C-alpha atoms as a PDB file:
ATOM      1  CA  MET A   1     103.394   9.804  97.476  1.00  0.00           C
ATOM      2  CA  LYS A   2     102.696  11.870  94.373  1.00  0.00           C
ATOM      3  CA  GLN A   3     102.479  15.596  95.083  1.00  0.00           C
ATOM      4  CA  GLY A   4      99.590  17.565  93.617  1.00  0.00           C
ATOM      5  CA  PRO A   5      99.910  20.797  91.641  1.00  0.00           C
ATOM      6  CA  VAL A   6     101.548  23.743  93.423  1.00  0.00           C
ATOM      7  CA  PHE A   7     100.647  27.413  93.033  1.00  0.00           C
ATOM      8  CA  ASP A   8     103.621  29.266  91.559  1.00  0.00           C
ATOM      9  CA  GLY A   9     101.934  32.623  90.997  1.00  0.00           C
ATOM     10  CA  THR A  10     100.725  31.979  87.438  1.00  0.00           C
ATOM     11  CA  ILE A  11      97.177  31.684  86.155  1.00  0.00           C
ATOM     12  CA  GLY A  12      97.856  28.163  84.905  1.00  0.00           C
ATOM     13  CA  SER A  13      99.014  26.914  88.280  1.00  0.00           C
ATOM     14  CA  LEU A  14      96.020  28.539  89.974  1.00  0.00           C
ATOM     15  CA  ILE A  15      93.668  26.693  87.615  1.00  0.00           C
ATOM     16  CA  ARG A  16      95.412  23.390  88.287  1.00  0.00           C
ATOM     17  CA  VAL A  17      95.116  23.835  92.062  1.00  0.00           C
ATOM     18  CA  TYR A  18      91.495  24.986  91.647  1.00  0.00           C
ATOM     19  CA  ARG A  19      90.696  21.708  89.899  1.00  0.00           C
ATOM     20  CA  VAL A  20      92.088  19.341  92.565  1.00  0.00           C
ATOM     21  CA  ASP A  21      91.729  21.111  95.920  1.00  0.00           C
ATOM     22  CA  PRO A  22      89.027  19.213  97.895  1.00  0.00           C
ATOM     23  CA  GLU A  23      87.822  22.558  99.273  1.00  0.00           C
ATOM     24  CA  SER A  24      87.543  24.196  95.845  1.00  0.00           C
ATOM     25  CA  PRO A  25      84.067  25.163  94.559  1.00  0.00           C
ATOM     26  CA  TYR A  26      85.017  23.162  91.481  1.00  0.00           C
ATOM     27  CA  GLN A  27      84.266  19.981  93.440  1.00  0.00           C
ATOM     28  CA  LEU A  28      80.640  21.072  93.885  1.00  0.00           C
ATOM     29  CA  LEU A  29      79.999  21.392  90.149  1.00  0.00           C
ATOM     30  CA  LYS A  30      77.859  18.797  88.393  1.00  0.00           C
ATOM     31  CA  HIS A  31      79.852  16.417  86.245  1.00  0.00           C
ATOM     32  CA  SER A  32      78.098  17.620  83.078  1.00  0.00           C
ATOM     33  CA  SER A  33      78.882  21.260  83.938  1.00  0.00           C
ATOM     34  CA  ARG A  34      82.557  20.410  84.337  1.00  0.00           C
ATOM     35  CA  ILE A  35      82.784  18.516  81.061  1.00  0.00           C
ATOM     36  CA  ARG A  36      80.657  20.731  78.826  1.00  0.00           C
ATOM     37  CA  ASP A  37      81.239  24.164  80.300  1.00  0.00           C
ATOM     38  CA  TYR A  38      84.156  24.552  82.692  1.00  0.00           C
ATOM     39  CA  GLU A  39      86.831  22.269  81.245  1.00  0.00           C
ATOM     40  CA  PRO A  40      86.814  23.609  77.650  1.00  0.00           C
ATOM     41  CA  THR A  41      86.971  27.176  78.982  1.00  0.00           C
ATOM     42  CA  LEU A  42      89.651  26.495  81.593  1.00  0.00           C
ATOM     43  CA  LYS A  43      91.747  24.814  78.902  1.00  0.00           C
ATOM     44  CA  LEU A  44      91.326  27.896  76.689  1.00  0.00           C
ATOM     45  CA  ILE A  45      92.531  30.166  79.503  1.00  0.00           C
ATOM     46  CA  GLU A  46      95.463  27.870  80.318  1.00  0.00           C
ATOM     47  CA  SER A  47      96.618  27.582  76.722  1.00  0.00           C
ATOM     48  CA  THR A  48      96.417  31.315  75.966  1.00  0.00           C
ATOM     49  CA  VAL A  49      97.349  33.149  79.192  1.00  0.00           C
ATOM     50  CA  GLY A  50      98.291  30.375  81.640  1.00  0.00           C
ATOM     51  CA  GLU A  51     101.913  31.524  81.957  1.00  0.00           C
ATOM     52  CA  ARG A  52     101.029  35.051  83.055  1.00  0.00           C
ATOM     53  CA  ALA A  53     101.965  36.089  86.609  1.00  0.00           C
ATOM     54  CA  ILE A  54      98.800  37.070  88.483  1.00  0.00           C
ATOM     55  CA  VAL A  55     100.519  39.738  90.582  1.00  0.00           C
ATOM     56  CA  LYS A  56     101.425  41.704  87.424  1.00  0.00           C
ATOM     57  CA  LEU A  57      97.959  41.765  85.851  1.00  0.00           C
ATOM     58  CA  LYS A  58      96.277  45.062  84.961  1.00  0.00           C
ATOM     59  CA  GLY A  59      92.878  45.975  83.601  1.00  0.00           C
ATOM     60  CA  GLU A  60      94.324  46.330  80.120  1.00  0.00           C
ATOM     61  CA  ASP A  61      95.322  42.658  80.197  1.00  0.00           C
ATOM     62  CA  PHE A  62      91.752  41.513  80.821  1.00  0.00           C
ATOM     63  CA  ARG A  63      90.402  43.830  78.102  1.00  0.00           C
ATOM     64  CA  ARG A  64      92.936  42.557  75.590  1.00  0.00           C
ATOM     65  CA  TRP A  65      92.241  38.907  76.437  1.00  0.00           C
ATOM     66  CA  TYR A  66      88.515  39.491  76.043  1.00  0.00           C
ATOM     67  CA  ARG A  67      89.078  40.996  72.573  1.00  0.00           C
ATOM     68  CA  GLU A  68      91.310  38.090  71.556  1.00  0.00           C
ATOM     69  CA  TRP A  69      88.937  35.436  72.909  1.00  0.00           C
ATOM     70  CA  SER A  70      85.953  37.051  71.166  1.00  0.00           C
ATOM     71  CA  ASP A  71      87.755  37.494  67.833  1.00  0.00           C
ATOM     72  CA  GLY A  72      85.750  36.099  64.951  1.00  0.00           C
ATOM     73  CA  GLY A  73      82.411  36.677  66.639  1.00  0.00           C
ATOM     74  CA  HIS A  74      83.054  34.392  69.633  1.00  0.00           C
ATOM     75  CA  VAL A  75      81.497  36.769  72.171  1.00  0.00           C
ATOM     76  CA  ARG A  76      79.881  33.899  74.065  1.00  0.00           C
ATOM     77  CA  ARG A  77      83.237  32.130  74.397  1.00  0.00           C
ATOM     78  CA  ALA A  78      84.969  35.298  75.627  1.00  0.00           C
ATOM     79  CA  HIS A  79      82.207  36.088  78.106  1.00  0.00           C
ATOM     80  CA  GLY A  80      82.381  32.540  79.457  1.00  0.00           C
ATOM     81  CA  ALA A  81      86.169  32.792  79.836  1.00  0.00           C
ATOM     82  CA  ILE A  82      85.877  36.005  81.842  1.00  0.00           C
ATOM     83  CA  ARG A  83      83.272  34.390  84.108  1.00  0.00           C
ATOM     84  CA  LYS A  84      85.484  31.363  84.733  1.00  0.00           C
ATOM     85  CA  LEU A  85      88.479  33.613  85.351  1.00  0.00           C
ATOM     86  CA  ARG A  86      86.461  35.460  87.984  1.00  0.00           C
ATOM     87  CA  ALA A  87      85.564  32.153  89.629  1.00  0.00           C
ATOM     88  CA  VAL A  88      89.173  30.940  89.689  1.00  0.00           C
ATOM     89  CA  LEU A  89      90.506  34.239  91.051  1.00  0.00           C
ATOM     90  CA  SER A  90      87.756  34.275  93.699  1.00  0.00           C
ATOM     91  CA  TYR A  91      88.957  30.858  94.829  1.00  0.00           C
ATOM     92  CA  GLY A  92      92.533  32.166  94.948  1.00  0.00           C
ATOM     93  CA  LEU A  93      91.407  35.166  96.993  1.00  0.00           C
ATOM     94  CA  GLN A  94      89.633  32.891  99.491  1.00  0.00           C
ATOM     95  CA  GLN A  95      92.835  30.863  99.831  1.00  0.00           C
ATOM     96  CA  ARG A  96      94.889  34.069 100.256  1.00  0.00           C
ATOM     97  CA  LEU A  97      97.083  33.154  97.309  1.00  0.00           C
ATOM     98  CA  HIS A  98      99.515  35.890  96.285  1.00  0.00           C
ATOM     99  CA  GLY A  99      98.154  38.431  93.817  1.00  0.00           C
ATOM    100  CA  CYS A 100      94.636  37.020  93.575  1.00  0.00           C
ATOM    101  CA  SER A 101      92.976  39.659  95.763  1.00  0.00           C
ATOM    102  CA  THR A 102      94.103  42.612  93.644  1.00  0.00           C
ATOM    103  CA  ALA A 103      93.471  40.836  90.325  1.00  0.00           C
ATOM    104  CA  ARG A 104      89.972  39.816  91.427  1.00  0.00           C
ATOM    105  CA  GLU A 105      89.199  43.374  92.557  1.00  0.00           C
ATOM    106  CA  ILE A 106      90.322  44.784  89.203  1.00  0.00           C
ATOM    107  CA  LEU A 107      88.159  42.269  87.358  1.00  0.00           C
ATOM    108  CA  HIS A 108      85.230  43.030  89.651  1.00  0.00           C
ATOM    109  CA  LEU A 109      85.317  46.690  88.606  1.00  0.00           C
ATOM    110  CA  MET A 110      85.282  45.872  84.883  1.00  0.00           C
ATOM    111  CA  ARG A 111      82.327  45.254  82.573  1.00  0.00           C
ATOM    112  CA  PHE A 112      82.348  43.260  79.352  1.00  0.00           C
ATOM    113  CA  GLU A 113      79.870  42.871  76.524  1.00  0.00           C
ATOM    114  CA  ALA A 114      77.472  40.027  77.247  1.00  0.00           C
ATOM    115  CA  PRO A 115      76.399  37.698  74.426  1.00  0.00           C
ATOM    116  CA  GLU A 116      72.917  38.178  73.050  1.00  0.00           C
ATOM    117  CA  ALA A 117      70.328  35.681  74.193  1.00  0.00           C
ATOM    118  CA  ARG A 118      69.859  32.964  71.595  1.00  0.00           C
ATOM    119  CA  LYS A 119      66.820  33.804  69.448  1.00  0.00           C
ATOM    120  CA  ILE A 120      66.745  30.779  67.148  1.00  0.00           C
ATOM    121  CA  LYS A 121      64.212  28.067  67.859  1.00  0.00           C
ATOM    122  CA  MET A 122      63.388  24.793  66.185  1.00  0.00           C
ATOM    123  CA  GLU A 123      60.141  24.741  64.210  1.00  0.00           C
ATOM    124  CA  TYR A 124      57.781  21.786  63.948  1.00  0.00           C
ATOM    125  CA  GLU A 125      58.786  21.295  60.311  1.00  0.00           C
ATOM    126  CA  HIS A 126      62.411  20.869  61.409  1.00  0.00           C
ATOM    127  CA  ALA A 127      61.514  18.305  64.070  1.00  0.00           C
ATOM    128  CA  LEU A 128      59.328  16.338  61.645  1.00  0.00           C
ATOM    129  CA  ALA A 129      62.054  16.384  58.989  1.00  0.00           C
ATOM    130  CA  VAL A 130      64.634  15.042  61.455  1.00  0.00           C
ATOM    131  CA  CYS A 131      62.285  12.260  62.576  1.00  0.00           C
ATOM    132  CA  ASN A 132      61.506  11.191  59.017  1.00  0.00           C
ATOM    133  CA  GLN A 133      65.154  11.308  57.925  1.00  0.00           C
ATOM    134  CA  ALA A 134      66.296   9.376  61.005  1.00  0.00           C
ATOM    135  CA  LEU A 135      63.745   6.646  60.302  1.00  0.00           C
ATOM    136  CA  LYS A 136      64.873   6.539  56.686  1.00  0.00           C
ATOM    137  CA  ASP A 137      68.507   6.252  57.830  1.00  0.00           C
ATOM    138  CA  LYS A 138      67.642   3.395  60.218  1.00  0.00           C
ATOM    139  CA  ARG A 139      68.316   5.579  63.267  1.00  0.00           C
ATOM    140  CA  PRO A 140      65.035   5.182  65.207  1.00  0.00           C
ATOM    141  CA  SER A 141      66.822   6.210  68.426  1.00  0.00           C
ATOM    142  CA  ILE A 142      67.340   9.709  67.017  1.00  0.00           C
ATOM    143  CA  ALA A 143      63.796   9.848  65.629  1.00  0.00           C
ATOM    144  CA  LEU A 144      62.294   8.856  68.981  1.00  0.00           C
ATOM    145  CA  THR A 145      64.512  11.249  70.951  1.00  0.00           C
ATOM    146  CA  GLN A 146      63.630  14.142  68.630  1.00  0.00           C
ATOM    147  CA  ALA A 147      59.928  13.348  68.800  1.00  0.00           C
ATOM    148  CA  ILE A 148      59.888  13.163  72.588  1.00  0.00           C
ATOM    149  CA  GLN A 149      61.894  16.379  72.811  1.00  0.00           C
ATOM    150  CA  TRP A 150      59.435  18.173  70.591  1.00  0.00           C
ATOM    151  CA  ASP A 151      56.210  16.865  72.087  1.00  0.00           C
ATOM    152  CA  THR A 152      57.227  17.165  75.750  1.00  0.00           C
ATOM    153  CA  GLY A 153      59.735  20.022  75.831  1.00  0.00           C
ATOM    154  CA  LEU A 154      62.135  17.838  77.828  1.00  0.00           C
ATOM    155  CA  ARG A 155      65.845  18.497  77.806  1.00  0.00           C
ATOM    156  CA  ARG A 156      67.788  16.121  75.584  1.00  0.00           C
ATOM    157  CA  ILE A 157      69.843  14.865  78.522  1.00  0.00           C
ATOM    158  CA  HIS A 158      66.623  13.879  80.331  1.00  0.00           C
ATOM    159  CA  ILE A 159      65.748  11.589  77.428  1.00  0.00           C
ATOM    160  CA  ILE A 160      69.077  10.027  76.465  1.00  0.00           C
ATOM    161  CA  GLY A 161      70.508  10.053  79.999  1.00  0.00           C
ATOM    162  CA  GLU A 162      74.116  10.770  80.929  1.00  0.00           C
ATOM    163  CA  TRP A 163      77.347   8.990  81.816  1.00  0.00           C
ATOM    164  CA  LEU A 164      78.634   9.912  85.273  1.00  0.00           C
ATOM    165  CA  PRO A 165      81.833   8.942  87.118  1.00  0.00           C
ATOM    166  CA  VAL A 166      81.492   5.658  88.981  1.00  0.00           C
ATOM    167  CA  GLN A 167      81.276   6.345  92.706  1.00  0.00           C
ATOM    168  CA  GLU A 168      83.270   4.241  95.136  1.00  0.00           C
ATOM    169  CA  GLY A 169      81.278   1.234  96.231  1.00  0.00           C
ATOM    170  CA  GLU A 170      78.748   1.452  93.381  1.00  0.00           C
ATOM    171  CA  GLN A 171      77.861  -1.845  91.758  1.00  0.00           C
ATOM    172  CA  GLY A 172      75.641  -2.963  88.907  1.00  0.00           C
ATOM    173  CA  GLY A 173      74.087  -0.865  86.188  1.00  0.00           C
ATOM    174  CA  ILE A 174      75.529  -0.023  82.781  1.00  0.00           C
ATOM    175  CA  VAL A 175      79.226   0.737  83.197  1.00  0.00           C
ATOM    176  CA  ARG A 176      81.726   1.729  80.543  1.00  0.00           C
ATOM    177  CA  GLY A 177      85.276   2.449  81.625  1.00  0.00           C
ATOM    178  CA  ARG A 178      85.075   4.646  84.705  1.00  0.00           C
ATOM    179  CA  THR A 179      81.574   5.931  83.950  1.00  0.00           C
ATOM    180  CA  LYS A 180      78.118   4.643  84.718  1.00  0.00           C
ATOM    181  CA  TRP A 181      74.943   5.488  82.794  1.00  0.00           C
ATOM    182  CA  GLN A 182      71.955   7.090  84.465  1.00  0.00           C
ATOM    183  CA  GLY A 183      68.718   7.909  82.669  1.00  0.00           C
ATOM    184  CA  LEU A 184      65.213   6.957  81.562  1.00  0.00           C
ATOM    185  CA  THR A 185      64.379   3.290  81.073  1.00  0.00           C
ATOM    186  CA  ALA A 186      61.409   1.357  79.750  1.00  0.00           C
ATOM    187  CA  ALA A 187      60.210   1.076  83.361  1.00  0.00           C
ATOM    188  CA  ASP A 188      59.608   4.848  83.384  1.00  0.00           C
ATOM    189  CA  ILE A 189      56.728   4.356  80.927  1.00  0.00           C
ATOM    190  CA  GLU A 190      53.564   2.876  82.400  1.00  0.00           C
ATOM    191  CA  ASN A 191      50.269   2.691  80.500  1.00  0.00           C
ATOM    192  CA  GLY A 192      51.714   5.047  77.921  1.00  0.00           C
ATOM    193  CA  VAL A 193      52.659   7.696  80.481  1.00  0.00           C
ATOM    194  CA  LEU A 194      56.321   8.743  80.648  1.00  0.00           C
ATOM    195  CA  THR A 195      57.432   9.892  84.097  1.00  0.00           C
ATOM    196  CA  VAL A 196      60.640  11.889  84.333  1.00  0.00           C
ATOM    197  CA  PRO A 197      61.814  11.639  87.935  1.00  0.00           C
ATOM    198  CA  LEU A 198      63.086  14.429  90.141  1.00  0.00           C
ATOM    199  CA  THR A 199      66.847  14.826  89.591  1.00  0.00           C
ATOM    200  CA  ALA A 200      69.527  17.449  90.122  1.00  0.00           C
ATOM    201  CA  LYS A 201      68.818  18.693  86.589  1.00  0.00           C
ATOM    202  CA  ASN A 202      65.067  18.193  86.706  1.00  0.00           C
ATOM    203  CA  LYS A 203      63.853  20.271  89.637  1.00  0.00           C
ATOM    204  CA  VAL A 204      60.243  19.198  89.125  1.00  0.00           C
ATOM    205  CA  ALA A 205      59.198  15.653  88.235  1.00  0.00           C
ATOM    206  CA  THR A 206      57.035  15.702  85.090  1.00  0.00           C
ATOM    207  CA  ARG A 207      54.640  13.233  83.449  1.00  0.00           C
ATOM    208  CA  HIS A 208      53.740  13.065  79.769  1.00  0.00           C
ATOM    209  CA  ASP A 209      51.026  11.001  78.091  1.00  0.00           C
ATOM    210  CA  LEU A 210      52.795   9.704  74.995  1.00  0.00           C
ATOM    211  CA  SER A 211      49.475   8.746  73.409  1.00  0.00           C
ATOM    212  CA  ALA A 212      48.697  12.476  73.287  1.00  0.00           C
ATOM    213  CA  CYS A 213      52.032  13.280  71.604  1.00  0.00           C
ATOM    214  CA  PRO A 214      51.460  13.352  67.810  1.00  0.00           C
ATOM    215  CA  LEU A 215      55.098  13.299  66.701  1.00  0.00           C
ATOM    216  CA  VAL A 216      55.916  10.449  69.072  1.00  0.00           C
ATOM    217  CA  GLN A 217      52.965   8.487  67.733  1.00  0.00           C
ATOM    218  CA  HIS A 218      54.104   9.206  64.169  1.00  0.00           C
ATOM    219  CA  VAL A 219      57.526   7.732  64.946  1.00  0.00           C
ATOM    220  CA  LEU A 220      55.987   4.738  66.721  1.00  0.00           C
ATOM    221  CA  THR A 221      54.233   3.717  63.500  1.00  0.00           C
ATOM    222  CA  GLN A 222      57.704   2.662  62.282  1.00  0.00           C
ATOM    223  CA  THR A 223      59.471   1.619  65.492  1.00  0.00           C
ATOM    224  CA  GLU A 224      58.653   0.458  69.018  1.00  0.00           C
ATOM    225  CA  LEU A 225      59.367   1.547  72.537  1.00  0.00           C
ATOM    226  CA  PRO A 226      61.773  -0.802  74.340  1.00  0.00           C
ATOM    227  CA  LYS A 227      60.299  -3.425  76.626  1.00  0.00           C
ATOM    228  CA  VAL A 228      63.266  -3.328  79.037  1.00  0.00           C
ATOM    229  CA  GLY A 229      66.463  -1.353  79.552  1.00  0.00           C
ATOM    230  CA  PRO A 230      67.371   2.217  78.590  1.00  0.00           C
ATOM    231  CA  LEU A 231      64.747   4.187  76.682  1.00  0.00           C
ATOM    232  CA  ILE A 232      67.262   5.341  74.052  1.00  0.00           C
ATOM    233  CA  VAL A 233      70.143   3.208  72.754  1.00  0.00           C
ATOM    234  CA  SER A 234      72.541   4.026  69.920  1.00  0.00           C
ATOM    235  CA  GLU A 235      72.288   1.727  66.919  1.00  0.00           C
ATOM    236  CA  THR A 236      76.054   2.073  66.502  1.00  0.00           C
ATOM    237  CA  THR A 237      77.361   1.240  69.979  1.00  0.00           C
ATOM    238  CA  LYS A 238      74.322  -0.692  71.312  1.00  0.00           C
ATOM    239  CA  LEU A 239      74.683   1.434  74.452  1.00  0.00           C
ATOM    240  CA  PRO A 240      73.056   4.685  75.648  1.00  0.00           C
ATOM    241  CA  TYR A 241      74.516   7.736  73.928  1.00  0.00           C
ATOM    242  CA  ARG A 242      77.222   9.972  75.262  1.00  0.00           C
ATOM    243  CA  GLU A 243      75.805  13.439  74.712  1.00  0.00           C
ATOM    244  CA  ASN A 244      78.496  14.680  72.335  1.00  0.00           C
ATOM    245  CA  TYR A 245      78.102  11.560  70.160  1.00  0.00           C
ATOM    246  CA  TYR A 246      74.348  12.068  69.998  1.00  0.00           C
ATOM    247  CA  ALA A 247      74.782  15.714  68.993  1.00  0.00           C
ATOM    248  CA  THR A 248      77.174  14.701  66.204  1.00  0.00           C
ATOM    249  CA  ASP A 249      74.861  11.965  64.886  1.00  0.00           C
ATOM    250  CA  TRP A 250      71.838  14.264  65.133  1.00  0.00           C
ATOM    251  CA  ARG A 251      73.633  16.926  63.067  1.00  0.00           C
ATOM    252  CA  THR A 252      74.375  14.391  60.329  1.00  0.00           C
ATOM    253  CA  VAL A 253      70.695  13.451  60.152  1.00  0.00           C
ATOM    254  CA  ALA A 254      69.586  17.097  60.324  1.00  0.00           C
ATOM    255  CA  ASP A 255      71.900  18.045  57.460  1.00  0.00           C
ATOM    256  CA  SER A 256      70.450  15.254  55.308  1.00  0.00           C
ATOM    257  CA  ALA A 257      66.960  16.466  56.249  1.00  0.00           C
ATOM    258  CA  GLY A 258      67.749  20.017  55.128  1.00  0.00           C
ATOM    259  CA  VAL A 259      67.551  21.560  58.601  1.00  0.00           C
ATOM    260  CA  PRO A 260      69.513  24.861  58.593  1.00  0.00           C
ATOM    261  CA  LYS A 261      72.956  24.739  60.222  1.00  0.00           C
ATOM    262  CA  GLY A 262      71.904  27.479  62.629  1.00  0.00           C
ATOM    263  CA  VAL A 263      69.223  25.248  64.166  1.00  0.00           C
ATOM    264  CA  TRP A 264      70.678  22.947  66.815  1.00  0.00           C
ATOM    265  CA  SER A 265      69.346  19.900  68.607  1.00  0.00           C
ATOM    266  CA  MET A 266      69.243  21.916  71.823  1.00  0.00           C
ATOM    267  CA  ASP A 267      66.804  24.348  70.125  1.00  0.00           C
ATOM    268  CA  SER A 268      64.113  21.660  70.329  1.00  0.00           C
ATOM    269  CA  ARG A 269      63.280  22.732  73.880  1.00  0.00           C
ATOM    270  CA  ALA A 270      62.912  26.399  72.939  1.00  0.00           C
ATOM    271  CA  GLY A 271      60.751  25.443  69.962  1.00  0.00           C
ATOM    272  CA  ALA A 272      58.505  23.200  72.031  1.00  0.00           C
ATOM    273  CA  ILE A 273      58.062  25.723  74.834  1.00  0.00           C
ATOM    274  CA  SER A 274      57.462  28.558  72.360  1.00  0.00           C
ATOM    275  CA  GLU A 275      54.790  26.521  70.567  1.00  0.00           C
ATOM    276  CA  ALA A 276      53.152  25.630  73.897  1.00  0.00           C
ATOM    277  CA  GLU A 277      53.010  29.291  74.923  1.00  0.00           C
ATOM    278  CA  ALA A 278      51.597  30.320  71.530  1.00  0.00           C
ATOM    279  CA  ALA A 279      49.007  27.510  71.461  1.00  0.00           C
ATOM    280  CA  THR A 280      47.688  28.095  74.979  1.00  0.00           C
ATOM    281  CA  GLY A 281      48.352  31.804  75.361  1.00  0.00           C
ATOM    282  CA  SER A 282      49.626  30.891  78.791  1.00  0.00           C
ATOM    283  CA  LEU A 283      53.195  31.167  80.002  1.00  0.00           C
ATOM    284  CA  ASP A 284      52.194  29.182  83.086  1.00  0.00           C
ATOM    285  CA  ALA A 285      50.988  26.250  81.002  1.00  0.00           C
ATOM    286  CA  ALA A 286      54.301  26.262  79.138  1.00  0.00           C
ATOM    287  CA  ARG A 287      56.114  26.498  82.491  1.00  0.00           C
ATOM    288  CA  LYS A 288      54.388  23.387  83.820  1.00  0.00           C
ATOM    289  CA  MET A 289      55.148  21.421  80.657  1.00  0.00           C
ATOM    290  CA  ALA A 290      58.805  22.445  80.862  1.00  0.00           C
ATOM    291  CA  GLY A 291      59.058  21.473  84.528  1.00  0.00           C
ATOM    292  CA  HIS A 292      60.212  24.935  85.579  1.00  0.00           C
ATOM    293  CA  THR A 293      59.587  26.253  89.077  1.00  0.00           C
ATOM    294  CA  ASN A 294      60.072  29.848  87.939  1.00  0.00           C
ATOM    295  CA  ALA A 295      58.209  31.524  85.058  1.00  0.00           C
ATOM    296  CA  LYS A 296      61.246  33.722  84.409  1.00  0.00           C
ATOM    297  CA  THR A 297      63.168  30.616  83.381  1.00  0.00           C
ATOM    298  CA  THR A 298      60.382  29.660  80.983  1.00  0.00           C
ATOM    299  CA  GLN A 299      60.354  33.146  79.498  1.00  0.00           C
ATOM    300  CA  GLY A 300      63.980  32.670  78.515  1.00  0.00           C
ATOM    301  CA  TYR A 301      62.920  29.806  76.232  1.00  0.00           C
ATOM    302  CA  VAL A 302      59.955  31.572  74.612  1.00  0.00           C
ATOM    303  CA  ARG A 303      61.161  32.952  71.300  1.00  0.00           C
ATOM    304  CA  ASN A 304      57.866  33.889  69.681  1.00  0.00           C
ATOM    305  CA  ASP A 305      57.517  36.976  67.519  1.00  0.00           C
ATOM    306  CA  ASP A 306      56.055  39.779  69.635  1.00  0.00           C
ATOM    307  CA  LEU A 307      53.930  40.870  66.653  1.00  0.00           C
ATOM    308  CA  ASP A 308      51.966  37.601  66.691  1.00  0.00           C
ATOM    309  CA  ASN A 309      51.564  37.861  70.447  1.00  0.00           C
ATOM    310  CA  ASN A 310      50.379  41.461  70.273  1.00  0.00           C
ATOM    311  CA  ARG A 311      47.836  40.576  67.585  1.00  0.00           C
ATOM    312  CA  ARG A 312      46.364  37.889  69.825  1.00  0.00           C
ATOM    313  CA  VAL A 313      46.253  40.292  72.749  1.00  0.00           C
ATOM    314  CA  ALA A 314      44.571  43.001  70.645  1.00  0.00           C
ATOM    315  CA  GLU A 315      41.933  40.556  69.390  1.00  0.00           C
ATOM    316  CA  ALA A 316      41.252  39.231  72.888  1.00  0.00           C
ATOM    317  CA  ARG A 317      40.875  42.770  74.257  1.00  0.00           C
ATOM    318  CA  ALA A 318      38.517  43.748  71.420  1.00  0.00           C
ATOM    319  CA  ASN A 319      36.299  40.733  72.145  1.00  0.00           C
ATOM    320  CA  LEU A 320      35.765  41.990  75.697  1.00  0.00           C
ATOM    321  CA  ARG A 321      34.167  45.246  74.530  1.00  0.00           C
ATOM    322  CA  PRO A 322      30.366  45.328  74.362  1.00  0.00           C
ATOM    323  CA  VAL A 323      30.325  48.161  71.808  1.00  0.00           C
ATOM    324  CA  LYS A 324      31.672  47.394  68.361  1.00  0.00           C
ATOM    325  CA  HIS A 325      32.831  50.033  65.897  1.00  0.00           C
ATOM    326  CA  GLN A 326      30.578  50.344  62.851  1.00  0.00           C
END
């Protein structure tokens, strides 16, 4: 019987045990969180400081690692590495593994620069340009995804779906290797209304009338919604996208369309929510469109200029006054 990884006192061995222990918090993470967030960061920690003995760590080590990880303006990467290191050491502390208690306490007492909240948002002109370029390039799947993202404020993963590990006993569906696709299908559109079901990522089920979505209707003048099967299928693989492949293909189209490099596909949601808040003057209306249960979450996506907002507020207040200045 093959033996699993053993803790030998180093950071690398702790990470390896953290990954496979059935009682580790790592097992509770969503598959997408593991792949997109945890694994790249854990690999960074392993490759740079994995051989270090935990019992010998001092505060100066953590400060130096943070500086090295953030070198070149990668503050977000460094901040994420420190957060994952805290999580791994917390697991080690709970398991009473040698050295983890002291190292975790030292890290607990330290503070590191947090990355600035992302301020860039997609504009309507960007979304339109991507749709038109994608149609020109014979990539209607990207045009339709971009249009739905913009008009509904949905997350990209809600639209293209995701590939998850096949669970024991599962049968049927779209399977590729050891993964099975889960996402929106043609059956989720009835009488022109798209229903996004309640999922682990979508805390609130949302419905969107596609006939009231101008950019979607613009795209549908040159392509059609599927009659059966997944809502979005890659023209290249004839299967639903894996998220990283979609992001790569979207960037190629966006570059051809002249969309600035600093604007990402993921900025569609911030752009849509920001436009909704500006158009309605209501954060709650934007919250409902976004499917958020908490307005604070919505606020994190609103990236409107405060000057425009304050002008609207000033005008609205002035209109309430019965006496006008001569």
